[in-house]
Protein backbone atom coordinates (compact mmCIF):
# COMPACT_ATOMS: atom_id res chain seq x y z
CA UNK A 1 -8.24 22.64 18.14
CA UNK A 2 -4.48 22.65 17.76
CA UNK A 3 -4.56 18.99 18.79
CA UNK A 4 -7.06 18.12 16.06
CA UNK A 5 -5.17 19.98 13.35
CA UNK A 6 -1.84 18.42 14.16
CA UNK A 7 -3.06 14.86 14.63
CA UNK A 8 -4.88 15.02 11.30
CA UNK A 9 -1.70 16.06 9.53
CA UNK A 10 0.11 12.93 10.63
CA UNK A 11 -2.79 10.84 9.42
CA UNK A 12 -2.10 11.87 5.84
CA UNK A 13 0.05 8.93 4.72
CA UNK A 14 -2.67 6.51 5.84
CA UNK A 15 -5.18 7.05 3.06
CA UNK A 16 -5.13 3.46 1.84
CA UNK A 17 -8.04 1.13 1.19
CA UNK A 18 -6.82 -1.80 3.30
CA UNK A 19 -6.31 -2.24 7.02
CA UNK A 20 -4.03 0.58 8.09
CA UNK A 21 -2.63 2.45 5.09
CA UNK A 22 -1.09 -0.13 2.76
CA UNK A 23 -2.06 -0.02 -0.90
CA UNK A 24 -2.36 -3.63 -2.07
CA UNK A 25 -1.71 -2.82 -5.72
CA UNK A 26 1.81 -4.14 -6.34
CA UNK A 27 2.08 -6.36 -9.42
CA UNK A 28 -1.00 -7.11 -11.53
CA UNK A 29 -0.56 -10.90 -11.45
CA UNK A 30 -0.04 -10.79 -7.69
CA UNK A 31 -3.07 -8.53 -7.18
CA UNK A 32 -5.29 -11.02 -9.00
CA UNK A 33 -4.01 -13.75 -6.64
CA UNK A 34 -4.95 -11.82 -3.50
CA UNK A 35 -1.39 -10.54 -3.04
CA UNK A 36 -0.16 -14.07 -2.21
CA UNK A 37 3.16 -13.88 -4.06
CA UNK A 38 6.02 -14.18 -1.56
CA UNK A 39 6.36 -17.91 -2.23
CA UNK A 40 5.59 -17.62 -5.97
CA UNK A 41 8.00 -15.01 -7.38
CA UNK A 42 7.27 -15.81 -11.02
CA UNK A 43 7.69 -12.30 -12.42
CA UNK A 44 9.66 -9.09 -11.82
CA UNK A 45 7.37 -7.96 -8.98
CA UNK A 46 9.50 -10.26 -6.79
CA UNK A 47 11.69 -7.15 -6.32
CA UNK A 48 8.92 -5.98 -3.99
CA UNK A 49 7.37 -9.21 -2.67
CA UNK A 50 10.58 -11.17 -2.10
CA UNK A 51 14.00 -10.03 -3.42
CA UNK A 52 15.30 -13.57 -2.94
CA UNK A 53 12.83 -14.75 -5.58
CA UNK A 54 14.45 -12.68 -8.33
CA UNK A 55 16.80 -15.58 -9.10
CA UNK A 56 13.75 -17.75 -9.83
CA UNK A 57 13.02 -15.82 -13.05
CA UNK A 58 13.79 -16.86 -16.62
CA UNK A 59 15.41 -14.58 -19.17
CA UNK A 60 18.20 -12.02 -19.03
CA UNK A 61 15.90 -9.05 -18.50
CA UNK A 62 12.40 -8.91 -17.00
CA UNK A 63 10.26 -5.78 -16.95
CA UNK A 64 6.80 -4.97 -15.56
CA UNK A 65 4.94 -1.73 -16.07
CA UNK A 66 1.51 -1.51 -14.50
CA UNK A 67 -1.07 0.86 -13.10
CA UNK A 68 -4.35 0.69 -11.20
CA UNK A 69 -7.50 2.78 -11.09
CA UNK A 70 -8.89 2.95 -7.55
CA UNK A 71 -12.58 3.89 -7.50
CA UNK A 72 -13.72 4.44 -3.87
CA UNK A 73 -17.09 5.13 -2.35
CA UNK A 74 -17.37 6.18 1.31
CA UNK A 75 -20.49 7.42 3.08
CA UNK A 76 -21.16 8.43 6.69
CA UNK A 77 -24.21 8.53 8.89
CA UNK A 78 -24.26 10.64 12.05
CA UNK A 79 -26.87 11.62 14.65
CA UNK A 80 -27.28 14.92 12.79
CA UNK A 81 -27.04 13.91 9.11
CA UNK A 82 -28.60 10.82 7.51
CA UNK A 83 -26.03 10.53 4.72
CA UNK A 84 -22.72 12.24 3.88
CA UNK A 85 -20.73 11.18 0.82
CA UNK A 86 -17.03 11.68 0.34
CA UNK A 87 -16.40 13.62 -2.87
CA UNK A 88 -13.04 11.96 -3.52
CA UNK A 89 -12.13 11.19 -7.11
CA UNK A 90 -10.35 8.19 -8.59
CA UNK A 91 -6.62 7.65 -8.04
CA UNK A 92 -4.12 5.90 -10.33
CA UNK A 93 -1.06 4.43 -8.54
CA UNK A 94 1.54 2.84 -10.80
CA UNK A 95 4.52 0.49 -10.48
CA UNK A 96 7.65 -0.38 -12.46
CA UNK A 97 9.82 -3.44 -11.76
CA UNK A 98 13.01 -4.64 -13.40
CA UNK A 99 15.16 -7.74 -12.85
CA UNK A 100 18.35 -8.35 -14.85
CA UNK A 101 20.78 -11.27 -14.83
CA UNK A 102 24.38 -10.34 -14.01
CA UNK A 103 25.67 -13.94 -14.02
CA UNK A 104 24.48 -17.43 -13.05
CA UNK A 105 24.30 -16.52 -9.36
CA UNK A 106 23.63 -12.78 -9.20
CA UNK A 107 20.65 -10.72 -10.34
CA UNK A 108 20.04 -7.00 -10.07
CA UNK A 109 16.65 -5.40 -9.59
CA UNK A 110 14.98 -2.02 -9.30
CA UNK A 111 11.50 -0.74 -8.54
CA UNK A 112 9.51 2.47 -8.49
CA UNK A 113 6.05 2.27 -6.97
CA UNK A 114 3.39 3.97 -4.87
CA UNK A 115 2.89 2.08 -1.62
CA UNK A 116 0.97 4.88 0.13
CA UNK A 117 -1.18 7.61 -1.34
CA UNK A 118 -4.69 8.72 -2.17
CA UNK A 119 -7.05 11.63 -1.60
CA UNK A 120 -10.11 12.35 0.49
CA UNK A 121 -12.47 15.29 0.29
CA UNK A 122 -15.86 16.50 1.51
CA UNK A 123 -18.12 19.47 0.85
CA UNK A 124 -16.75 22.59 2.54
CA UNK A 125 -19.76 22.98 4.84
CA UNK A 126 -20.16 19.33 5.88
CA UNK A 127 -20.71 18.39 9.53
CA UNK A 128 -17.14 17.18 10.12
CA UNK A 129 -15.38 20.10 8.42
CA UNK A 130 -13.49 20.85 11.65
CA UNK A 131 -11.89 17.41 11.35
CA UNK A 132 -11.14 17.37 7.61
CA UNK A 133 -12.21 19.03 4.35
CA UNK A 134 -9.60 18.05 1.75
CA UNK A 135 -6.52 15.85 1.80
CA UNK A 136 -4.12 14.83 -0.98
CA UNK A 137 -1.02 12.64 -0.73
CA UNK A 138 1.52 11.37 -3.26
CA UNK A 139 4.38 9.02 -2.37
CA UNK A 140 7.12 7.29 -4.35
CA UNK A 141 9.41 4.41 -3.39
CA UNK A 142 12.72 3.65 -5.15
CA UNK A 143 14.49 0.36 -4.46
CA UNK A 144 17.77 -0.90 -6.01
CA UNK A 145 18.08 -4.62 -5.21
CA UNK A 146 20.52 -7.55 -5.39
CA UNK A 147 19.91 -11.31 -5.17
CA UNK A 148 22.40 -14.15 -4.85
CA UNK A 149 21.95 -17.90 -5.35
CA UNK A 150 23.66 -19.54 -2.36
CA UNK A 151 22.47 -23.04 -3.29
CA UNK A 152 20.76 -24.70 -6.23
CA UNK A 153 17.48 -24.46 -4.33
CA UNK A 154 18.02 -21.36 -2.16
CA UNK A 155 18.46 -17.68 -3.07
CA UNK A 156 18.62 -14.56 -0.91
CA UNK A 157 18.10 -10.92 -1.78
CA UNK A 158 18.09 -7.43 -0.30
CA UNK A 159 17.20 -3.93 -1.40
CA UNK A 160 17.66 -0.37 -0.14
CA UNK A 161 14.43 1.66 -0.16
CA UNK A 162 14.22 5.44 -0.46
CA UNK A 163 10.79 6.96 0.17
CA UNK A 164 9.62 10.46 -0.66
CA UNK A 165 6.21 12.09 -0.56
CA UNK A 166 4.25 15.34 -0.69
CA UNK A 167 0.89 16.26 0.81
CA UNK A 168 -1.69 19.00 1.28
CA UNK A 169 -4.51 19.30 3.80
CA UNK A 170 -7.39 21.68 4.62
CA UNK A 171 -9.88 21.83 7.48
CA UNK A 172 -12.15 24.33 9.15
CA UNK A 173 -11.14 26.11 12.36
CA UNK A 174 -14.08 26.81 14.74
CA UNK A 175 -13.02 30.34 15.62
CA UNK A 176 -15.22 33.30 14.64
CA UNK A 177 -14.20 36.89 14.02
CA UNK A 178 -16.07 40.12 13.33
CA UNK A 179 -16.26 39.30 9.61
CA UNK A 180 -16.32 35.46 9.47
CA UNK A 181 -18.06 32.64 11.30
CA UNK A 182 -15.05 30.29 11.16
CA UNK A 183 -11.47 30.13 9.97
CA UNK A 184 -9.51 27.66 7.88
CA UNK A 185 -6.24 25.82 8.32
CA UNK A 186 -4.15 24.67 5.34
CA UNK A 187 -1.08 22.53 5.76
CA UNK A 188 1.43 21.29 3.22
CA UNK A 189 4.83 19.68 3.22
CA UNK A 190 7.11 16.94 2.06
CA UNK A 191 9.13 14.22 3.75
CA UNK A 192 11.47 11.34 3.06
CA UNK A 193 12.99 8.29 4.72
CA UNK A 194 15.00 5.13 4.12
CA UNK A 195 14.48 1.45 4.87
CA UNK A 196 15.35 -2.00 3.52
CA UNK A 197 13.66 -5.05 2.01
CA UNK A 198 15.19 -8.53 2.45
CA UNK A 199 13.99 -11.98 1.45
CA UNK A 200 14.84 -15.64 1.02
CA UNK A 201 13.29 -18.00 -1.52
CA UNK A 202 13.54 -21.77 -1.83
CA UNK A 203 12.32 -24.29 -4.38
CA UNK A 204 11.84 -26.90 -1.66
CA UNK A 205 11.21 -30.05 -3.68
CA UNK A 206 9.37 -31.53 -6.67
CA UNK A 207 7.15 -34.56 -7.07
CA UNK A 208 7.04 -36.26 -10.45
CA UNK A 209 4.46 -38.68 -11.77
CA UNK A 210 4.41 -39.67 -15.45
CA UNK A 211 4.26 -36.38 -17.40
CA UNK A 212 3.19 -34.31 -14.39
CA UNK A 213 5.38 -32.37 -11.94
CA UNK A 214 4.38 -30.59 -8.74
CA UNK A 215 6.82 -28.00 -7.39
CA UNK A 216 6.69 -26.74 -3.79
CA UNK A 217 8.24 -23.37 -2.85
CA UNK A 218 8.50 -21.16 0.21
CA UNK A 219 9.51 -17.53 0.66
CA UNK A 220 10.16 -15.25 3.61
CA UNK A 221 10.23 -11.45 3.33
CA UNK A 222 10.86 -8.61 5.76
CA UNK A 223 10.28 -4.96 4.90
CA UNK A 224 11.68 -2.78 7.67
CA UNK A 225 9.90 0.13 9.25
CA UNK A 226 10.43 3.60 7.78
CA UNK A 227 11.22 6.73 9.75
CA UNK A 228 9.82 9.58 7.66
CA UNK A 229 11.12 13.01 8.62
CA UNK A 230 8.97 16.07 7.94
CA UNK A 231 11.49 18.91 8.36
CA UNK A 232 9.93 21.81 6.47
CA UNK A 233 6.15 21.71 6.72
CA UNK A 234 4.17 24.90 6.33
CA UNK A 235 0.87 25.80 8.00
CA UNK A 236 -1.38 28.68 6.92
CA UNK A 237 -4.35 30.03 8.87
CA UNK A 238 -6.95 32.37 7.41
CA UNK A 239 -9.91 34.28 8.90
CA UNK A 240 -8.55 33.93 12.45
CA UNK A 241 -9.63 36.50 15.09
CA UNK A 242 -6.94 39.11 15.78
CA UNK A 243 -6.75 38.09 19.43
CA UNK A 244 -5.68 34.54 18.46
CA UNK A 245 -3.34 35.25 15.57
CA UNK A 246 -0.26 34.83 17.75
CA UNK A 247 -1.20 31.18 18.26
CA UNK A 248 -2.66 30.75 14.76
CA UNK A 249 -0.41 32.99 12.61
CA UNK A 250 -0.87 33.55 8.89
CA UNK A 251 2.07 31.18 8.26
CA UNK A 252 4.36 29.10 10.41
CA UNK A 253 6.70 26.18 9.87
CA UNK A 254 6.70 22.84 11.67
CA UNK A 255 8.73 19.63 11.81
CA UNK A 256 7.88 16.09 12.85
CA UNK A 257 8.62 12.41 12.48
CA UNK A 258 6.39 9.55 11.41
CA UNK A 259 7.24 5.88 12.02
CA UNK A 260 5.77 3.60 9.36
CA UNK A 261 5.50 -0.09 10.29
CA UNK A 262 7.60 -3.09 9.39
CA UNK A 263 5.97 -6.03 7.58
CA UNK A 264 6.97 -9.69 7.97
CA UNK A 265 5.63 -12.21 5.44
CA UNK A 266 5.95 -15.94 4.93
CA UNK A 267 4.48 -17.47 1.80
CA UNK A 268 4.13 -20.96 0.34
CA UNK A 269 3.06 -22.20 -3.07
CA UNK A 270 2.44 -25.44 -4.93
CA UNK A 271 2.52 -25.52 -8.73
CA UNK A 272 1.22 -28.53 -10.64
CA UNK A 273 2.55 -28.76 -14.21
CA UNK A 274 1.30 -30.92 -17.05
CA UNK A 275 2.11 -30.78 -20.74
CA UNK A 276 -0.68 -28.34 -21.59
CA UNK A 277 -1.53 -26.52 -18.35
CA UNK A 278 -0.33 -25.47 -14.90
CA UNK A 279 -2.23 -24.88 -11.66
CA UNK A 280 -0.71 -22.83 -8.81
CA UNK A 281 -1.99 -22.48 -5.25
CA UNK A 282 -0.44 -19.78 -3.00
CA UNK A 283 -0.83 -18.55 0.57
CA UNK A 284 0.80 -15.58 2.35
CA UNK A 285 0.73 -14.62 6.00
CA UNK A 286 1.49 -10.95 6.79
CA UNK A 287 2.32 -9.56 10.22
CA UNK A 288 2.35 -5.76 10.27
CA UNK A 289 3.86 -3.99 13.30
CA UNK A 290 1.41 -1.11 13.48
CA UNK A 291 2.26 -0.62 17.17
CA UNK A 292 5.18 1.54 15.99
CA UNK A 293 2.49 4.14 15.29
CA UNK A 294 1.68 4.76 18.95
CA UNK A 295 2.32 8.51 19.27
CA UNK A 296 2.48 11.54 16.97
CA UNK A 297 4.52 14.62 17.79
CA UNK A 298 5.01 18.02 16.10
CA UNK A 299 7.38 20.88 16.82
CA UNK A 300 6.28 24.34 15.66
CA UNK A 301 8.70 27.11 14.83
CA UNK A 302 6.26 29.69 16.14
CA UNK A 303 6.94 29.81 19.89
CA UNK A 304 3.33 30.68 20.75
CA UNK A 305 1.99 27.56 19.01
CA UNK A 306 2.43 24.77 21.56
CA UNK A 307 4.15 21.60 20.40
CA UNK A 308 1.77 18.66 20.22
CA UNK A 309 1.98 15.02 21.28
CA UNK A 310 -1.00 12.79 20.46
CA UNK A 311 -1.51 9.14 21.44
CA UNK A 312 -2.69 6.82 18.62
CA UNK A 313 -2.25 3.35 20.12
CA UNK A 314 -2.54 1.39 16.89
CA UNK A 315 -2.37 -2.39 17.20
CA UNK A 316 -0.28 -4.99 15.36
CA UNK A 317 -2.33 -6.88 12.77
CA UNK A 318 -2.29 -10.00 10.60
CA UNK A 319 -3.46 -10.54 7.03
CA UNK A 320 -4.18 -13.86 5.32
CA UNK A 321 -3.83 -13.99 1.53
CA UNK A 322 -4.94 -16.78 -0.82
CA UNK A 323 -4.46 -17.10 -4.58
CA UNK A 324 -4.94 -19.52 -7.49
CA UNK A 325 -3.51 -19.33 -11.00
CA UNK A 326 -4.59 -21.57 -13.90
CA UNK A 327 -2.54 -21.25 -17.09
CA UNK A 328 -3.45 -23.12 -20.28
CA UNK A 329 -0.92 -23.88 -23.02
CA UNK A 330 1.49 -21.36 -21.50
CA UNK A 331 -0.65 -18.62 -23.07
CA UNK A 332 -4.00 -18.04 -21.33
CA UNK A 333 -4.26 -17.44 -17.57
CA UNK A 334 -7.17 -17.07 -15.15
CA UNK A 335 -6.58 -16.04 -11.52
CA UNK A 336 -8.66 -15.63 -8.38
CA UNK A 337 -7.84 -14.77 -4.78
CA UNK A 338 -8.88 -13.12 -1.55
CA UNK A 339 -7.37 -11.57 1.56
CA UNK A 340 -8.67 -11.21 5.10
CA UNK A 341 -7.42 -7.95 6.58
CA UNK A 342 -7.56 -6.48 10.09
CA UNK A 343 -7.65 -2.81 10.92
CA UNK A 344 -5.16 -1.55 13.52
CA UNK A 345 -7.42 1.37 14.51
CA UNK A 346 -9.21 1.02 17.85
CA UNK A 347 -12.57 2.54 18.70
CA UNK A 348 -12.06 6.10 19.83
CA UNK A 349 -9.40 6.78 17.17
CA UNK A 350 -11.40 6.41 13.93
CA UNK A 351 -11.28 9.52 11.73
CA UNK A 352 -13.45 10.22 8.61
CA UNK A 353 -10.42 10.53 6.33
CA UNK A 354 -9.46 6.92 7.21
CA UNK A 355 -12.50 4.79 8.03
CA UNK A 356 -10.45 1.67 8.73
CA UNK A 357 -12.35 -1.58 9.33
CA UNK A 358 -11.85 -5.34 9.27
CA UNK A 359 -12.64 -6.59 5.79
CA UNK A 360 -12.46 -9.36 3.22
CA UNK A 361 -11.34 -8.41 -0.28
CA UNK A 362 -12.01 -10.56 -3.36
CA UNK A 363 -9.67 -10.50 -6.33
CA UNK A 364 -9.46 -11.89 -9.84
CA UNK A 365 -7.76 -11.40 -13.16
CA UNK A 366 -6.75 -12.65 -16.59
CA UNK A 367 -3.45 -12.98 -18.43
CA UNK A 368 -2.60 -13.37 -22.11
CA UNK A 369 0.83 -14.17 -23.54
CA UNK A 370 1.10 -12.20 -26.77
CA UNK A 371 4.49 -13.65 -27.73
CA UNK A 372 7.54 -15.29 -26.17
CA UNK A 373 8.60 -11.82 -25.00
CA UNK A 374 5.38 -10.00 -24.15
CA UNK A 375 2.36 -10.74 -21.95
CA UNK A 376 -0.53 -8.62 -20.66
CA UNK A 377 -2.33 -8.99 -17.32
CA UNK A 378 -5.58 -7.59 -15.92
CA UNK A 379 -6.63 -7.56 -12.26
CA UNK A 380 -9.64 -6.59 -10.17
CA UNK A 381 -10.24 -6.04 -6.44
CA UNK A 382 -13.58 -5.64 -4.73
CA UNK A 383 -13.96 -4.86 -1.05
CA UNK A 384 -16.65 -3.37 1.14
CA UNK A 385 -17.50 -3.02 4.80
CA UNK A 386 -19.24 -1.10 7.58
CA UNK A 387 -18.14 0.21 10.96
CA UNK A 388 -19.50 2.49 13.64
CA UNK A 389 -16.91 4.21 15.83
CA UNK A 390 -15.72 7.58 17.12
CA UNK A 391 -12.79 9.97 17.08
CA UNK A 392 -12.84 10.92 20.73
CA UNK A 393 -10.36 13.81 20.53
CA UNK A 394 -12.65 15.61 18.07
CA UNK A 395 -15.95 14.49 19.63
CA UNK A 396 -17.00 13.01 16.28
CA UNK A 397 -18.89 9.73 15.84
CA UNK A 398 -20.31 8.12 12.71
CA UNK A 399 -21.35 4.92 11.01
CA UNK A 400 -19.18 4.36 7.93
CA UNK A 401 -19.96 2.43 4.77
CA UNK A 402 -17.18 1.77 2.29
CA UNK A 403 -16.95 0.09 -1.11
CA UNK A 404 -13.89 0.09 -3.36
CA UNK A 405 -13.33 -1.22 -6.89
CA UNK A 406 -9.76 -1.44 -8.19
CA UNK A 407 -8.91 -2.14 -11.83
CA UNK A 408 -5.34 -2.97 -12.87
CA UNK A 409 -3.49 -3.43 -16.16
CA UNK A 410 0.11 -4.56 -16.59
CA UNK A 411 2.63 -5.19 -19.36
CA UNK A 412 5.33 -7.86 -18.87
CA UNK A 413 8.43 -8.03 -21.09
CA UNK A 414 11.05 -10.78 -20.97
CA UNK A 415 14.23 -10.52 -23.05
CA UNK A 416 17.12 -12.94 -23.58
CA UNK A 417 17.70 -16.25 -21.86
CA UNK A 418 17.78 -19.81 -23.08
CA UNK A 419 14.98 -21.31 -25.12
CA UNK A 420 12.42 -23.03 -22.95
CA UNK A 421 11.66 -26.71 -23.36
CA UNK A 422 8.40 -27.56 -25.04
CA UNK A 423 6.90 -29.04 -21.88
CA UNK A 424 7.77 -26.15 -19.55
CA UNK A 425 5.00 -23.95 -18.25
CA UNK A 426 5.46 -20.47 -16.83
CA UNK A 427 2.91 -18.46 -14.94
């Protein structure tokens, strides 16, 4: 039981809706294009996708403020129960990006976003209550960033990332006393960590024919792994038999470390411009080093509560992202995309609070340029899937069905800069 409680705690940051725990909701325009944006970098979300691409932007100051509404549906089927629904509500991650021009070669950027975070809950008396009942996680990333143009066609960039988060978790404890049939464990805490984000962006070359121009670009991005320290967690146990209260005390503190994975991305794009429209094709390849999440360990302050070390054995994964943007008269935009995502979770390690599975997500969106300074974007993601697997440590097996709808809205503001030529087109 101690093993189950502790391993579930370290699962908390992984409540995403993609393979592993990443939330693919960074930048509304990028979302609509399947997240294929490393080689595009046409708005301030390049602070996240590729800091080197910040120097590709027009204007003295570029801002993006956006948010998403994630509407999940997860159900389980077990040998005992025909259907169990998660009772999780909607979540609303947000993001803010800024890029400002310092001089002709240097740009400064900053972001605040939620890259991990969600919630998962079930009825208190459900079959898997000894694995999980309620989980909630909130995380925030802060990233000051700098880019430098080393050549007319090549720019580099780097940012320092500070991550902080809080969580809470509840589950049943299968220990009965004279007055209760089972106990409950409640855990809460906060943690932080640091990492970096570096990128290079190049406008490779252009092909011109009459009034048409086709621009080819490439970007490379590396987001380092994050060591998140959990120094001051608190565990509370209620309705525990007196004979076991030394091992499951009313309160005790714990500490631990979580290694979040690094992500390497290479992206390419081709943008065809004519006098009254532009058409952009983009592709990103992600390699996520989930193997860094191979073992979880906790140290408890209470000497009678044994420290725990749990093998996870997650696997490295790849993701393929595709996106298309059509913009008419530099004012109206329509976007579509998709991504093919692997789960790093092997059979035998699948828990009901994170029913990870291989999946294909479909995306789309619209954009409208209100004025030379302001534009509005809308995005949508739809994904679904099924998987049957077990969590061997807990002796729990189920068939999972998942469907997620994600709605996004973003505001883009561009200030300053030279007047654009009449024939230029900007996504």
